[in-house]
Amino acid sequence: MMMKTAVLFLTLFSAPLLAQTPRPTPPAPAAPPAQPAPPLAPPPDLGKWWKSSEIASSLKLSQQQITEIEQTFQETRLKLIDLRADVARQEALLEPLIEADQLDEAKISAQIDTVLAARGKLEKTNVMMMLAFRKVLTTEQWKKLEEFKERGPRTPATAPRPPQPPRPPEEAPHL
């Protein structure tokens, strides 16, 4: 039990601690192979993709589909706001327990369970919303939406650029 709590504690709180410690930036490693997105993951940074003229026209969304997706989003939106707030609230309750001079492992463990349950509810609601969206789309539309998710939104900063000629190697400074 103590080992599980320690591992969970380190997992939950090591990332924020590491994020606060400035570290020298190592050279960028070669890009790892792309991992496929989970089948019902929300589109990354596509926002209200059903309102994007590029995506809607590419998917050939009907007005009925757009209306149903928007209705599902609006019905779920307030619940998502509440669930995000609950996650933040539960994490805020956990923080002083961990920072206390006298650690109460039982209280910390119980609060970690509460935080994880809140996160689980939020994730489930997100996935259920995406499932509702999926039910409105045809299989072909869903596959095209997956393609949009893989390549991300097209903005001037992310649009494909023409190939550039290779740059000459930089010379090392002479000492």
C-alpha atoms as a PDB file:
ATOM      1  CA  MET A   1       0.000   0.000   0.000  1.00  0.00           C
ATOM      2  CA  MET A   2       2.769   2.411   0.944  1.00  0.00           C
ATOM      3  CA  MET A   3       4.665   1.615  -2.264  1.00  0.00           C
ATOM      4  CA  LYS A   4       1.548   2.224  -4.400  1.00  0.00           C
ATOM      5  CA  THR A   5       0.978   5.551  -2.679  1.00  0.00           C
ATOM      6  CA  ALA A   6       4.585   6.588  -3.169  1.00  0.00           C
ATOM      7  CA  VAL A   7       4.501   5.677  -6.864  1.00  0.00           C
ATOM      8  CA  LEU A   8       1.185   7.472  -7.353  1.00  0.00           C
ATOM      9  CA  PHE A   9       2.483  10.501  -5.448  1.00  0.00           C
ATOM     10  CA  LEU A  10       5.569  10.672  -7.631  1.00  0.00           C
ATOM     11  CA  THR A  11       3.518  10.219 -10.779  1.00  0.00           C
ATOM     12  CA  LEU A  12       1.061  12.970  -9.906  1.00  0.00           C
ATOM     13  CA  PHE A  13       3.526  15.538  -8.651  1.00  0.00           C
ATOM     14  CA  SER A  14       6.834  14.975 -10.387  1.00  0.00           C
ATOM     15  CA  ALA A  15       5.731  16.628 -13.654  1.00  0.00           C
ATOM     16  CA  PRO A  16       4.937  20.018 -12.072  1.00  0.00           C
ATOM     17  CA  LEU A  17       8.205  19.917 -10.141  1.00  0.00           C
ATOM     18  CA  LEU A  18      10.178  19.080 -13.258  1.00  0.00           C
ATOM     19  CA  ALA A  19       8.403  21.841 -15.152  1.00  0.00           C
ATOM     20  CA  GLN A  20       9.611  24.395 -12.586  1.00  0.00           C
ATOM     21  CA  THR A  21      13.268  23.421 -12.766  1.00  0.00           C
ATOM     22  CA  PRO A  22      15.022  25.213 -15.651  1.00  0.00           C
ATOM     23  CA  ARG A  23      17.168  22.828 -17.623  1.00  0.00           C
ATOM     24  CA  PRO A  24      19.435  23.362 -20.575  1.00  0.00           C
ATOM     25  CA  THR A  25      17.732  22.462 -23.801  1.00  0.00           C
ATOM     26  CA  PRO A  26      19.283  19.318 -25.285  1.00  0.00           C
ATOM     27  CA  PRO A  27      19.502  19.030 -29.052  1.00  0.00           C
ATOM     28  CA  ALA A  28      16.231  17.891 -30.550  1.00  0.00           C
ATOM     29  CA  PRO A  29      16.205  14.122 -31.088  1.00  0.00           C
ATOM     30  CA  ALA A  30      14.876  12.630 -34.270  1.00  0.00           C
ATOM     31  CA  ALA A  31      11.096  12.659 -34.299  1.00  0.00           C
ATOM     32  CA  PRO A  32       9.672   9.430 -32.882  1.00  0.00           C
ATOM     33  CA  PRO A  33       7.304   7.479 -35.100  1.00  0.00           C
ATOM     34  CA  ALA A  34       3.806   8.942 -34.959  1.00  0.00           C
ATOM     35  CA  GLN A  35       1.468   7.133 -32.623  1.00  0.00           C
ATOM     36  CA  PRO A  36      -2.094   6.743 -33.862  1.00  0.00           C
ATOM     37  CA  ALA A  37      -4.607   8.794 -31.876  1.00  0.00           C
ATOM     38  CA  PRO A  38      -7.112   6.912 -29.746  1.00  0.00           C
ATOM     39  CA  PRO A  39     -10.195   6.227 -31.880  1.00  0.00           C
ATOM     40  CA  LEU A  40     -12.449   8.663 -30.018  1.00  0.00           C
ATOM     41  CA  ALA A  41      -9.942  11.272 -28.921  1.00  0.00           C
ATOM     42  CA  PRO A  42     -11.085  14.865 -29.381  1.00  0.00           C
ATOM     43  CA  PRO A  43      -9.520  16.526 -32.398  1.00  0.00           C
ATOM     44  CA  PRO A  44      -6.372  18.384 -31.323  1.00  0.00           C
ATOM     45  CA  ASP A  45      -6.783  22.147 -31.657  1.00  0.00           C
ATOM     46  CA  LEU A  46      -9.568  21.844 -34.227  1.00  0.00           C
ATOM     47  CA  GLY A  47     -11.993  23.597 -31.898  1.00  0.00           C
ATOM     48  CA  LYS A  48     -15.545  23.572 -33.213  1.00  0.00           C
ATOM     49  CA  TRP A  49     -14.451  21.650 -36.288  1.00  0.00           C
ATOM     50  CA  TRP A  50     -18.031  21.254 -37.527  1.00  0.00           C
ATOM     51  CA  LYS A  51     -18.184  25.056 -37.939  1.00  0.00           C
ATOM     52  CA  SER A  52     -14.953  25.227 -39.959  1.00  0.00           C
ATOM     53  CA  SER A  53     -15.843  25.809 -43.593  1.00  0.00           C
ATOM     54  CA  GLU A  54     -12.771  23.833 -44.717  1.00  0.00           C
ATOM     55  CA  ILE A  55     -13.581  20.792 -42.589  1.00  0.00           C
ATOM     56  CA  ALA A  56     -17.373  20.944 -43.036  1.00  0.00           C
ATOM     57  CA  SER A  57     -17.076  21.142 -46.811  1.00  0.00           C
ATOM     58  CA  SER A  58     -14.404  18.436 -46.946  1.00  0.00           C
ATOM     59  CA  LEU A  59     -16.563  16.135 -44.832  1.00  0.00           C
ATOM     60  CA  LYS A  60     -19.664  17.199 -46.785  1.00  0.00           C
ATOM     61  CA  LEU A  61     -21.561  17.751 -43.546  1.00  0.00           C
ATOM     62  CA  SER A  62     -25.271  18.326 -43.975  1.00  0.00           C
ATOM     63  CA  GLN A  63     -26.991  21.122 -42.091  1.00  0.00           C
ATOM     64  CA  GLN A  64     -28.789  18.414 -40.069  1.00  0.00           C
ATOM     65  CA  GLN A  65     -25.456  16.887 -39.010  1.00  0.00           C
ATOM     66  CA  ILE A  66     -24.021  20.283 -38.059  1.00  0.00           C
ATOM     67  CA  THR A  67     -27.133  21.021 -36.006  1.00  0.00           C
ATOM     68  CA  GLU A  68     -26.996  17.653 -34.203  1.00  0.00           C
ATOM     69  CA  ILE A  69     -23.280  17.984 -33.426  1.00  0.00           C
ATOM     70  CA  GLU A  70     -23.724  21.559 -32.172  1.00  0.00           C
ATOM     71  CA  GLN A  71     -26.670  20.476 -30.008  1.00  0.00           C
ATOM     72  CA  THR A  72     -24.626  17.625 -28.502  1.00  0.00           C
ATOM     73  CA  PHE A  73     -21.751  20.010 -27.848  1.00  0.00           C
ATOM     74  CA  GLN A  74     -24.003  22.572 -26.152  1.00  0.00           C
ATOM     75  CA  GLU A  75     -25.664  19.881 -24.009  1.00  0.00           C
ATOM     76  CA  THR A  76     -22.268  18.576 -22.890  1.00  0.00           C
ATOM     77  CA  ARG A  77     -20.439  21.886 -22.578  1.00  0.00           C
ATOM     78  CA  LEU A  78     -21.715  22.927 -19.134  1.00  0.00           C
ATOM     79  CA  LYS A  79     -21.105  19.454 -17.776  1.00  0.00           C
ATOM     80  CA  LEU A  80     -17.509  19.588 -19.034  1.00  0.00           C
ATOM     81  CA  ILE A  81     -17.014  22.986 -17.394  1.00  0.00           C
ATOM     82  CA  ASP A  82     -18.285  21.591 -14.087  1.00  0.00           C
ATOM     83  CA  LEU A  83     -16.135  18.462 -14.375  1.00  0.00           C
ATOM     84  CA  ARG A  84     -12.986  20.490 -15.153  1.00  0.00           C
ATOM     85  CA  ALA A  85     -13.736  22.662 -12.123  1.00  0.00           C
ATOM     86  CA  ASP A  86     -14.186  19.545  -9.976  1.00  0.00           C
ATOM     87  CA  VAL A  87     -10.799  18.194 -11.082  1.00  0.00           C
ATOM     88  CA  ALA A  88      -9.168  21.531 -10.193  1.00  0.00           C
ATOM     89  CA  ARG A  89     -11.012  21.598  -6.846  1.00  0.00           C
ATOM     90  CA  GLN A  90      -9.953  18.059  -5.930  1.00  0.00           C
ATOM     91  CA  GLU A  91      -6.341  18.772  -6.914  1.00  0.00           C
ATOM     92  CA  ALA A  92      -6.441  21.941  -4.771  1.00  0.00           C
ATOM     93  CA  LEU A  93      -7.634  19.856  -1.810  1.00  0.00           C
ATOM     94  CA  LEU A  94      -4.803  17.375  -2.347  1.00  0.00           C
ATOM     95  CA  GLU A  95      -2.040  19.957  -2.488  1.00  0.00           C
ATOM     96  CA  PRO A  96      -2.032  21.024   1.191  1.00  0.00           C
ATOM     97  CA  LEU A  97      -2.214  17.391   2.293  1.00  0.00           C
ATOM     98  CA  ILE A  98       1.022  16.672   0.464  1.00  0.00           C
ATOM     99  CA  GLU A  99       2.706  19.897   1.561  1.00  0.00           C
ATOM    100  CA  ALA A 100       1.855  19.419   5.250  1.00  0.00           C
ATOM    101  CA  ASP A 101       4.692  18.912   7.734  1.00  0.00           C
ATOM    102  CA  GLN A 102       2.929  15.820   9.111  1.00  0.00           C
ATOM    103  CA  LEU A 103       1.832  13.610   6.232  1.00  0.00           C
ATOM    104  CA  ASP A 104      -1.385  11.651   6.686  1.00  0.00           C
ATOM    105  CA  GLU A 105      -0.982   8.847   4.180  1.00  0.00           C
ATOM    106  CA  ALA A 106      -4.564   7.646   4.514  1.00  0.00           C
ATOM    107  CA  LYS A 107      -5.993  11.115   3.758  1.00  0.00           C
ATOM    108  CA  ILE A 108      -3.551  11.634   0.885  1.00  0.00           C
ATOM    109  CA  SER A 109      -4.381   8.254  -0.608  1.00  0.00           C
ATOM    110  CA  ALA A 110      -8.123   8.895  -0.320  1.00  0.00           C
ATOM    111  CA  GLN A 111      -7.758  12.328  -1.928  1.00  0.00           C
ATOM    112  CA  ILE A 112      -5.650  10.890  -4.754  1.00  0.00           C
ATOM    113  CA  ASP A 113      -8.468   8.435  -5.407  1.00  0.00           C
ATOM    114  CA  THR A 114     -10.911  11.354  -5.481  1.00  0.00           C
ATOM    115  CA  VAL A 115      -8.709  13.285  -7.939  1.00  0.00           C
ATOM    116  CA  LEU A 116      -8.398  10.256 -10.195  1.00  0.00           C
ATOM    117  CA  ALA A 117     -12.162   9.651 -10.062  1.00  0.00           C
ATOM    118  CA  ALA A 118     -12.804  13.282 -11.038  1.00  0.00           C
ATOM    119  CA  ARG A 119     -10.351  13.002 -13.939  1.00  0.00           C
ATOM    120  CA  GLY A 120     -11.998   9.754 -15.015  1.00  0.00           C
ATOM    121  CA  LYS A 121     -15.447  11.382 -15.102  1.00  0.00           C
ATOM    122  CA  LEU A 122     -14.091  14.239 -17.200  1.00  0.00           C
ATOM    123  CA  GLU A 123     -12.383  11.885 -19.645  1.00  0.00           C
ATOM    124  CA  LYS A 124     -15.455   9.673 -19.918  1.00  0.00           C
ATOM    125  CA  THR A 125     -17.675  12.667 -20.659  1.00  0.00           C
ATOM    126  CA  ASN A 126     -15.265  13.851 -23.378  1.00  0.00           C
ATOM    127  CA  VAL A 127     -15.176  10.421 -24.982  1.00  0.00           C
ATOM    128  CA  MET A 128     -18.959  10.034 -24.772  1.00  0.00           C
ATOM    129  CA  MET A 129     -19.364  13.397 -26.514  1.00  0.00           C
ATOM    130  CA  MET A 130     -17.025  12.248 -29.282  1.00  0.00           C
ATOM    131  CA  LEU A 131     -18.986   9.001 -29.522  1.00  0.00           C
ATOM    132  CA  ALA A 132     -22.177  11.029 -29.961  1.00  0.00           C
ATOM    133  CA  PHE A 133     -20.444  13.014 -32.719  1.00  0.00           C
ATOM    134  CA  ARG A 134     -19.292   9.762 -34.316  1.00  0.00           C
ATOM    135  CA  LYS A 135     -22.856   8.445 -34.405  1.00  0.00           C
ATOM    136  CA  VAL A 136     -23.939  11.496 -36.431  1.00  0.00           C
ATOM    137  CA  LEU A 137     -21.192  11.039 -39.035  1.00  0.00           C
ATOM    138  CA  THR A 138     -20.910   8.413 -41.744  1.00  0.00           C
ATOM    139  CA  THR A 139     -17.927   6.062 -41.666  1.00  0.00           C
ATOM    140  CA  GLU A 140     -16.308   7.981 -44.521  1.00  0.00           C
ATOM    141  CA  GLN A 141     -16.829  11.325 -42.764  1.00  0.00           C
ATOM    142  CA  TRP A 142     -15.318   9.940 -39.561  1.00  0.00           C
ATOM    143  CA  LYS A 143     -12.249   8.682 -41.456  1.00  0.00           C
ATOM    144  CA  LYS A 144     -11.773  12.087 -43.083  1.00  0.00           C
ATOM    145  CA  LEU A 145     -12.097  13.762 -39.688  1.00  0.00           C
ATOM    146  CA  GLU A 146      -9.384  11.408 -38.404  1.00  0.00           C
ATOM    147  CA  GLU A 147      -7.156  12.644 -41.252  1.00  0.00           C
ATOM    148  CA  PHE A 148      -7.757  16.242 -40.152  1.00  0.00           C
ATOM    149  CA  LYS A 149      -6.853  15.279 -36.589  1.00  0.00           C
ATOM    150  CA  GLU A 150      -3.616  13.658 -37.742  1.00  0.00           C
ATOM    151  CA  ARG A 151      -2.411  16.632 -39.699  1.00  0.00           C
ATOM    152  CA  GLY A 152      -3.829  19.268 -37.343  1.00  0.00           C
ATOM    153  CA  PRO A 153      -5.455  22.558 -38.224  1.00  0.00           C
ATOM    154  CA  ARG A 154      -4.277  24.413 -41.305  1.00  0.00           C
ATOM    155  CA  THR A 155      -3.167  27.883 -40.391  1.00  0.00           C
ATOM    156  CA  PRO A 156      -0.577  30.022 -42.177  1.00  0.00           C
ATOM    157  CA  ALA A 157       1.970  28.825 -39.603  1.00  0.00           C
ATOM    158  CA  THR A 158       1.187  25.119 -40.162  1.00  0.00           C
ATOM    159  CA  ALA A 159       0.324  25.111 -43.864  1.00  0.00           C
ATOM    160  CA  PRO A 160       2.733  23.130 -46.031  1.00  0.00           C
ATOM    161  CA  ARG A 161       5.619  25.202 -47.319  1.00  0.00           C
ATOM    162  CA  PRO A 162       7.483  24.734 -50.557  1.00  0.00           C
ATOM    163  CA  PRO A 163      10.759  22.846 -50.171  1.00  0.00           C
ATOM    164  CA  GLN A 164      13.717  25.056 -49.312  1.00  0.00           C
ATOM    165  CA  PRO A 165      17.184  24.573 -50.812  1.00  0.00           C
ATOM    166  CA  PRO A 166      19.663  22.982 -48.406  1.00  0.00           C
ATOM    167  CA  ARG A 167      21.582  25.439 -46.250  1.00  0.00           C
ATOM    168  CA  PRO A 168      25.385  25.379 -46.336  1.00  0.00           C
ATOM    169  CA  PRO A 169      26.956  23.965 -43.160  1.00  0.00           C
ATOM    170  CA  GLU A 170      27.888  26.596 -40.603  1.00  0.00           C
ATOM    171  CA  GLU A 171      31.566  27.034 -39.933  1.00  0.00           C
ATOM    172  CA  ALA A 172      32.877  26.606 -36.432  1.00  0.00           C
ATOM    173  CA  PRO A 173      34.168  29.859 -34.910  1.00  0.00           C
ATOM    174  CA  HIS A 174      37.912  30.201 -34.916  1.00  0.00           C
ATOM    175  CA  LEU A 175      39.540  30.636 -31.497  1.00  0.00           C
END
